[in-house]
Protein backbone atom coordinates (compact mmCIF):
# COMPACT_ATOMS: atom_id res chain seq x y z
CA UNK A 1 97.30 84.01 141.87
CA UNK A 2 99.59 83.88 139.00
CA UNK A 3 102.37 86.14 140.69
CA UNK A 4 100.00 88.83 142.05
CA UNK A 5 101.20 91.50 139.48
CA UNK A 6 99.33 94.86 139.92
CA UNK A 7 96.39 95.32 137.66
CA UNK A 8 95.54 91.83 137.45
CA UNK A 9 92.81 89.62 138.38
CA UNK A 10 95.59 87.40 140.32
CA UNK A 11 96.24 90.31 142.66
CA UNK A 12 92.17 90.93 143.09
CA UNK A 13 92.08 87.48 144.18
CA UNK A 14 94.72 87.83 146.78
CA UNK A 15 93.15 90.90 148.00
CA UNK A 16 89.71 89.23 148.36
CA UNK A 17 91.75 86.19 150.44
CA UNK A 18 93.42 88.80 152.83
CA UNK A 19 90.30 90.49 153.38
CA UNK A 20 88.52 87.24 154.48
CA UNK A 21 91.31 86.36 156.73
CA UNK A 22 90.89 90.15 158.37
CA UNK A 23 87.37 89.18 158.65
CA UNK A 24 87.91 85.84 160.51
CA UNK A 25 89.91 88.10 163.15
CA UNK A 26 86.98 90.34 163.64
CA UNK A 27 88.91 93.34 162.39
CA UNK A 28 87.15 96.75 162.13
CA UNK A 29 87.09 98.83 158.88
CA UNK A 30 89.56 101.54 158.74
CA UNK A 31 87.82 105.60 159.11
CA UNK A 32 84.34 105.57 156.97
CA UNK A 33 85.02 102.59 154.87
CA UNK A 34 82.48 99.76 154.32
CA UNK A 35 84.88 97.06 153.53
CA UNK A 36 88.74 96.08 154.18
CA UNK A 37 89.75 97.56 150.78
CA UNK A 38 91.37 101.06 150.73
CA UNK A 39 90.73 102.13 146.75
CA UNK A 40 93.54 103.95 145.13
CA UNK A 41 93.23 105.60 141.52
CA UNK A 42 96.24 105.60 139.39
CA UNK A 43 96.65 107.20 136.12
CA UNK A 44 98.39 105.45 133.18
CA UNK A 45 100.01 107.41 130.37
CA UNK A 46 100.36 105.57 126.91
CA UNK A 47 102.32 107.23 124.38
CA UNK A 48 100.65 107.46 121.16
CA UNK A 49 103.29 109.80 119.46
CA UNK A 50 106.69 110.78 120.10
CA UNK A 51 108.44 113.02 117.70
CA UNK A 52 111.47 115.42 117.74
CA UNK A 53 114.82 116.41 117.19
CA UNK A 54 117.88 117.40 119.46
CA UNK A 55 120.31 118.99 117.20
CA UNK A 56 119.00 117.19 114.44
CA UNK A 57 119.13 113.78 115.86
CA UNK A 58 115.83 112.02 115.56
CA UNK A 59 113.81 111.71 118.58
CA UNK A 60 110.85 108.95 119.07
CA UNK A 61 109.99 105.87 120.98
CA UNK A 62 113.14 104.17 121.07
CA UNK A 63 115.11 107.08 122.53
CA UNK A 64 112.61 109.00 124.62
CA UNK A 65 110.83 108.05 127.77
CA UNK A 66 108.28 109.88 130.24
CA UNK A 67 107.51 109.99 133.70
CA UNK A 68 103.99 111.78 133.54
CA UNK A 69 100.13 111.70 133.51
CA UNK A 70 99.97 114.61 131.18
CA UNK A 71 98.23 113.94 127.97
CA UNK A 72 100.55 116.65 126.22
CA UNK A 73 103.98 117.55 126.34
CA UNK A 74 105.75 120.13 124.38
CA UNK A 75 109.36 121.21 124.78
CA UNK A 76 110.42 123.95 122.06
CA UNK A 77 113.72 124.85 123.80
CA UNK A 78 116.51 123.42 126.35
CA UNK A 79 115.30 126.06 128.93
CA UNK A 80 111.64 124.94 128.70
CA UNK A 81 112.31 122.14 131.68
CA UNK A 82 115.28 122.09 133.86
CA UNK A 83 118.04 120.34 132.46
CA UNK A 84 119.58 117.34 134.25
CA UNK A 85 122.54 115.11 132.59
CA UNK A 86 123.23 111.59 133.39
CA UNK A 87 126.68 111.13 132.31
CA UNK A 88 128.60 107.98 131.44
CA UNK A 89 130.09 107.53 134.83
CA UNK A 90 127.31 108.25 136.87
CA UNK A 91 125.20 105.57 138.78
CA UNK A 92 122.10 105.44 136.56
CA UNK A 93 119.64 104.18 139.45
CA UNK A 94 120.82 106.61 142.04
CA UNK A 95 120.74 109.51 139.74
CA UNK A 96 117.82 108.96 137.83
CA UNK A 97 115.11 107.32 140.27
CA UNK A 98 114.99 110.11 142.65
CA UNK A 99 114.44 112.70 140.03
CA UNK A 100 111.10 111.15 139.70
CA UNK A 101 109.91 112.48 143.15
CA UNK A 102 110.88 116.13 142.15
CA UNK A 103 107.95 118.35 141.93
CA UNK A 104 109.21 120.09 138.77
CA UNK A 105 109.62 119.39 135.15
CA UNK A 106 112.87 117.88 134.12
CA UNK A 107 114.49 116.98 130.87
CA UNK A 108 117.04 114.35 131.60
CA UNK A 109 119.70 113.52 128.95
CA UNK A 110 120.96 110.09 129.38
CA UNK A 111 124.48 108.96 127.95
CA UNK A 112 124.10 105.99 125.56
CA UNK A 113 126.38 103.99 127.83
CA UNK A 114 123.23 103.53 130.15
CA UNK A 115 121.15 102.05 126.99
CA UNK A 116 120.28 98.80 128.69
CA UNK A 117 119.02 100.18 131.78
CA UNK A 118 117.43 102.94 130.15
CA UNK A 119 115.32 100.40 128.31
CA UNK A 120 114.32 98.88 131.98
CA UNK A 121 113.64 102.41 133.42
CA UNK A 122 111.42 102.95 130.43
CA UNK A 123 109.07 100.27 131.17
CA UNK A 124 108.95 101.45 135.08
CA UNK A 125 108.32 104.99 133.73
CA UNK A 126 105.33 103.88 131.79
CA UNK A 127 103.53 102.34 134.96
CA UNK A 128 100.48 103.82 136.42
CA UNK A 129 101.18 106.39 139.00
CA UNK A 130 99.33 109.31 141.02
CA UNK A 131 98.15 112.25 139.16
CA UNK A 132 101.10 114.92 139.00
CA UNK A 133 101.18 118.26 137.22
CA UNK A 134 105.06 117.61 136.52
CA UNK A 135 106.74 115.38 133.77
CA UNK A 136 110.17 114.04 133.84
CA UNK A 137 111.38 113.37 130.11
CA UNK A 138 114.49 111.25 129.33
CA UNK A 139 116.05 111.10 126.05
CA UNK A 140 118.90 108.89 125.39
CA UNK A 141 121.78 110.37 123.35
CA UNK A 142 125.41 110.48 122.82
CA UNK A 143 125.04 114.40 122.76
CA UNK A 144 125.43 115.81 126.48
CA UNK A 145 125.99 119.61 125.21
CA UNK A 146 123.10 120.00 122.56
CA UNK A 147 122.15 123.45 121.51
CA UNK A 148 118.75 122.86 120.30
CA UNK A 149 115.71 120.60 121.28
CA UNK A 150 112.23 120.43 120.06
CA UNK A 151 109.77 117.37 121.07
CA UNK A 152 106.39 116.76 121.22
CA UNK A 153 104.57 113.87 123.15
CA UNK A 154 100.95 112.67 122.92
CA UNK A 155 99.83 110.42 125.67
CA UNK A 156 96.43 108.52 125.94
CA UNK A 157 95.42 108.76 129.75
CA UNK A 158 93.42 105.85 131.76
CA UNK A 159 92.37 105.37 135.12
CA UNK A 160 93.70 102.08 136.65
CA UNK A 161 92.37 100.88 140.24
CA UNK A 162 94.66 99.62 143.00
CA UNK A 163 93.72 98.68 146.63
CA UNK A 164 95.38 98.09 149.86
CA UNK A 165 93.64 95.79 152.36
CA UNK A 166 93.21 97.17 155.72
CA UNK A 167 91.78 96.54 159.08
CA UNK A 168 92.04 97.83 162.61
CA UNK A 169 91.72 96.71 166.19
CA UNK A 170 90.80 99.86 168.23
CA UNK A 171 92.68 100.60 171.12
CA UNK A 172 91.42 100.35 174.64
CA UNK A 173 92.41 103.60 176.34
CA UNK A 174 94.55 105.05 173.45
CA UNK A 175 92.45 105.00 170.25
CA UNK A 176 94.21 107.76 168.61
CA UNK A 177 97.62 106.48 168.93
CA UNK A 178 98.57 103.79 166.03
CA UNK A 179 100.69 100.89 165.80
CA UNK A 180 100.90 99.69 162.21
CA UNK A 181 101.80 96.07 161.04
CA UNK A 182 102.42 96.14 157.30
CA UNK A 183 103.72 94.12 154.44
CA UNK A 184 103.26 94.05 150.61
CA UNK A 185 101.16 91.58 148.85
CA UNK A 186 102.03 92.41 145.22
CA UNK A 187 104.86 90.50 143.42
CA UNK A 188 106.25 90.42 139.58
CA UNK A 189 103.14 88.53 137.87
CA UNK A 190 104.27 86.17 134.75
CA UNK A 191 107.21 86.95 132.69
CA UNK A 192 109.71 84.76 130.18
CA UNK A 193 109.71 81.29 130.99
CA UNK A 194 112.96 79.90 132.80
CA UNK A 195 114.95 76.93 131.67
CA UNK A 196 112.26 74.69 133.47
CA UNK A 197 109.49 76.31 131.40
CA UNK A 198 108.18 78.09 134.74
CA UNK A 199 106.99 81.70 133.92
CA UNK A 200 105.12 82.60 137.31
CA UNK A 201 107.07 84.79 139.54
CA UNK A 202 105.55 83.43 142.79
CA UNK A 203 106.80 85.82 145.58
CA UNK A 204 106.31 83.21 148.20
CA UNK A 205 108.91 84.91 150.23
CA UNK A 206 108.71 88.34 148.50
CA UNK A 207 106.37 89.17 150.29
CA UNK A 208 103.49 86.54 150.75
CA UNK A 209 105.74 85.60 153.81
CA UNK A 210 105.61 89.07 155.35
CA UNK A 211 101.66 89.30 154.38
CA UNK A 212 101.33 86.09 156.38
CA UNK A 213 102.83 87.32 159.34
CA UNK A 214 100.40 90.54 159.29
CA UNK A 215 97.48 88.11 158.98
CA UNK A 216 98.75 86.02 162.00
CA UNK A 217 99.43 89.12 164.31
CA UNK A 218 95.92 90.41 163.42
CA UNK A 219 94.73 87.01 164.50
CA UNK A 220 96.64 86.84 167.73
CA UNK A 221 96.14 90.40 168.94
CA UNK A 222 92.43 89.93 167.94
CA UNK A 223 92.42 86.97 170.30
CA UNK A 224 94.09 88.81 173.28
CA UNK A 225 91.90 92.10 172.92
CA UNK A 226 94.28 93.98 175.51
CA UNK A 227 95.89 96.53 173.17
CA UNK A 228 95.67 100.03 174.35
CA UNK A 229 96.85 101.51 171.38
CA UNK A 230 95.12 101.21 168.14
CA UNK A 231 96.60 98.49 165.75
CA UNK A 232 96.50 98.90 162.09
CA UNK A 233 97.06 96.00 160.02
CA UNK A 234 97.66 96.35 156.21
CA UNK A 235 98.65 94.64 153.15
CA UNK A 236 99.93 97.04 150.86
CA UNK A 237 99.72 96.92 146.92
CA UNK A 238 102.27 98.17 144.33
CA UNK A 239 105.37 97.91 146.62
CA UNK A 240 107.27 96.44 143.29
CA UNK A 241 106.46 99.25 140.88
CA UNK A 242 107.08 102.38 143.15
CA UNK A 243 105.61 101.72 146.51
CA UNK A 244 102.26 103.37 145.85
CA UNK A 245 100.13 101.52 147.97
CA UNK A 246 102.05 102.64 151.27
CA UNK A 247 102.67 106.12 149.81
CA UNK A 248 98.90 106.57 149.61
CA UNK A 249 98.15 104.65 152.91
CA UNK A 250 100.39 107.20 154.68
CA UNK A 251 98.63 110.33 153.47
CA UNK A 252 95.54 109.06 155.10
CA UNK A 253 97.14 109.00 158.60
CA UNK A 254 98.38 111.93 160.67
CA UNK A 255 102.01 110.69 160.94
CA UNK A 256 102.28 112.29 164.69
CA UNK A 257 99.57 109.83 165.84
CA UNK A 258 101.53 106.77 164.38
CA UNK A 259 103.95 105.75 167.20
CA UNK A 260 105.18 102.90 165.23
CA UNK A 261 105.35 100.74 162.11
CA UNK A 262 106.56 97.26 161.74
CA UNK A 263 106.76 96.61 158.20
CA UNK A 264 107.51 92.78 157.60
CA UNK A 265 109.50 91.97 154.40
CA UNK A 266 110.94 88.68 153.08
CA UNK A 267 111.10 86.44 156.59
CA UNK A 268 110.99 82.97 154.94
CA UNK A 269 114.62 82.16 154.90
CA UNK A 270 117.40 82.05 157.56
CA UNK A 271 119.10 85.41 158.35
CA UNK A 272 122.92 85.66 157.70
CA UNK A 273 123.19 84.63 161.58
CA UNK A 274 121.08 81.47 161.01
CA UNK A 275 117.71 80.57 162.91
CA UNK A 276 115.84 82.77 165.51
CA UNK A 277 117.44 86.36 164.11
CA UNK A 278 116.43 88.76 161.73
CA UNK A 279 117.52 92.51 161.24
CA UNK A 280 116.05 95.67 161.74
CA UNK A 281 116.66 98.40 158.76
CA UNK A 282 117.50 101.79 160.18
CA UNK A 283 118.20 100.42 163.58
CA UNK A 284 120.32 103.49 164.66
CA UNK A 285 117.71 105.84 163.60
CA UNK A 286 115.12 105.49 166.71
CA UNK A 287 115.23 103.21 169.76
CA UNK A 288 112.87 100.85 168.62
CA UNK A 289 114.92 98.14 167.85
CA UNK A 290 116.39 98.38 171.56
CA UNK A 291 112.76 98.17 172.90
CA UNK A 292 112.10 95.00 170.96
CA UNK A 293 115.11 93.33 172.11
CA UNK A 294 114.53 94.40 175.41
CA UNK A 295 111.08 92.77 175.62
CA UNK A 296 112.88 89.24 174.30
CA UNK A 297 115.08 89.28 177.06
CA UNK A 298 115.60 85.53 178.18
CA UNK A 299 114.54 84.58 174.76
CA UNK A 300 116.82 82.76 172.03
CA UNK A 301 115.70 85.24 169.66
CA UNK A 302 117.53 88.28 168.43
CA UNK A 303 117.18 91.10 166.40
CA UNK A 304 120.16 92.66 164.80
CA UNK A 305 120.91 96.12 162.91
CA UNK A 306 120.86 96.19 159.12
CA UNK A 307 123.81 94.54 158.00
CA UNK A 308 123.73 95.63 154.44
CA UNK A 309 123.82 99.54 154.57
CA UNK A 310 125.35 99.92 151.14
CA UNK A 311 121.92 98.41 149.95
CA UNK A 312 120.00 101.36 151.68
CA UNK A 313 117.34 98.99 152.74
CA UNK A 314 115.54 101.42 154.97
CA UNK A 315 114.38 103.67 151.98
CA UNK A 316 113.44 100.72 149.61
CA UNK A 317 110.32 99.18 151.48
CA UNK A 318 106.94 100.30 152.49
CA UNK A 319 108.30 101.86 155.84
CA UNK A 320 110.16 104.54 153.78
CA UNK A 321 107.31 107.10 153.37
CA UNK A 322 106.25 107.03 157.15
CA UNK A 323 109.85 107.16 158.07
CA UNK A 324 110.45 110.31 156.14
CA UNK A 325 107.58 111.84 158.12
CA UNK A 326 109.25 111.12 161.43
CA UNK A 327 107.49 107.69 162.04
CA UNK A 328 109.79 105.13 163.68
CA UNK A 329 108.93 102.85 160.97
CA UNK A 330 111.32 100.04 160.28
CA UNK A 331 111.26 97.04 158.20
CA UNK A 332 111.77 93.57 159.64
CA UNK A 333 113.58 91.03 157.38
CA UNK A 334 115.94 87.91 157.15
CA UNK A 335 116.64 88.48 153.67
CA UNK A 336 120.28 88.24 152.56
CA UNK A 337 121.17 91.09 150.37
CA UNK A 338 124.83 90.36 149.50
CA UNK A 339 126.60 89.28 146.42
CA UNK A 340 126.14 85.64 145.13
CA UNK A 341 126.52 83.05 146.37
CA UNK A 342 125.56 84.60 149.91
CA UNK A 343 122.27 86.30 148.76
CA UNK A 344 118.91 84.94 148.42
CA UNK A 345 119.00 82.57 145.35
CA UNK A 346 115.52 82.81 144.49
CA UNK A 347 115.11 86.69 144.85
CA UNK A 348 112.61 87.95 142.05
CA UNK A 349 112.78 84.71 140.47
CA UNK A 350 110.36 82.08 139.40
CA UNK A 351 111.82 79.82 141.98
CA UNK A 352 110.47 82.06 145.00
CA UNK A 353 108.13 79.24 145.74
CA UNK A 354 106.68 77.93 149.13
CA UNK A 355 108.69 75.00 149.10
CA UNK A 356 111.59 77.26 149.75
CA UNK A 357 110.54 78.63 153.12
CA UNK A 358 111.64 77.60 156.45
CA UNK A 359 108.14 77.78 157.92
CA UNK A 360 109.54 76.68 161.42
CA UNK A 361 111.87 79.61 161.56
CA UNK A 362 109.14 81.88 159.93
CA UNK A 363 106.68 80.86 162.89
CA UNK A 364 109.44 81.97 165.31
CA UNK A 365 110.06 85.42 163.83
CA UNK A 366 106.33 86.20 163.90
CA UNK A 367 106.23 85.02 167.55
CA UNK A 368 109.16 87.52 168.14
CA UNK A 369 107.49 90.36 166.69
CA UNK A 370 104.04 89.68 168.47
CA UNK A 371 106.03 89.47 172.15
CA UNK A 372 108.83 92.23 171.11
CA UNK A 373 106.08 94.66 170.38
CA UNK A 374 103.98 94.41 173.67
CA UNK A 375 105.05 97.19 175.63
CA UNK A 376 104.51 99.59 172.31
CA UNK A 377 101.13 97.92 172.08
CA UNK A 378 100.26 98.41 175.56
CA UNK A 379 101.59 102.13 175.69
CA UNK A 380 104.16 101.54 178.15
CA UNK A 381 107.09 102.33 175.56
CA UNK A 382 106.96 104.95 172.88
CA UNK A 383 109.88 104.96 170.37
CA UNK A 384 111.86 107.90 169.65
CA UNK A 385 110.87 109.51 166.37
CA UNK A 386 113.22 109.34 163.18
CA UNK A 387 114.44 112.73 161.91
CA UNK A 388 112.28 113.87 159.07
CA UNK A 389 113.47 114.05 155.76
CA UNK A 390 114.13 117.81 154.64
């Protein structure tokens, strides 16, 4: 599928494939939908003009970026937008990316020490996004204490379409209580060739592996036909560009009715503990992990707490939006997120191909998810809620 990049024919073919697999499992459509697709409309703002000055310093396409869906931006003074400084000593990613979720107009001055990260972020900011009445404008400059600013940006707006793939198995006695099994099916697409001339970022582990788990779990539970709660199976789009698929999905459900979410991300390799093990992000934030482990009593498989707390993985995948709403939504993974050489050697590389996956271990992980979730699926256990984000 040529790396399944968003807004490409490859990801559309992948969506068709997943939908066909859901059809084989005889999943029902979600809500009033007439198919397995949950359509999402995004807006892309392409700059056609950027011009202005900051204390006489010329501003243009090289040193200005905007996270916006507005056709016109006019800033005539430093007081028109809320001012934020990203200084030389600041952690760029931890400072800048949370700003994109703030519902206010921001003018973000970024020190030139962050020039390389600014360039990468500029591509991210230019991606299609949900319509918003707010803009975050970033200026790369060595002047952290300017007196005057005048800036004008004109964008050409266009609609771009995405889709989650979504099917359900209605519960027998608790139809209004939902258990979600999800994973993202998008990846990075095609980039510069590596030393071997390979330009396709296949994303076999990230996250075709998790998507495979969702498909197999749908097949398994569909055959059992004994779920008391309604099971939702979803392949998310656009995780790699900001989690837009899961963000949209979370807005279509009443979070109070979502009992649990299993987000399955990168399970194609051994964990740091070896075979028959995986970790659960945010393990301490609910008792869901304890429930899963209790259901595996007598098994050789173990779920462990996330061993990489500094990576903040609980908030970096498709569980994050539902978790912020109080849902016990956790990611199950085996991905080694340490420094080289103890990390995943193929992560976000062209070498993330099917031949690098341990299929036997991956099968055991999928079995463990199926077995460990049984008391949640049956309604016997209800995980404690995650504290809502303020």
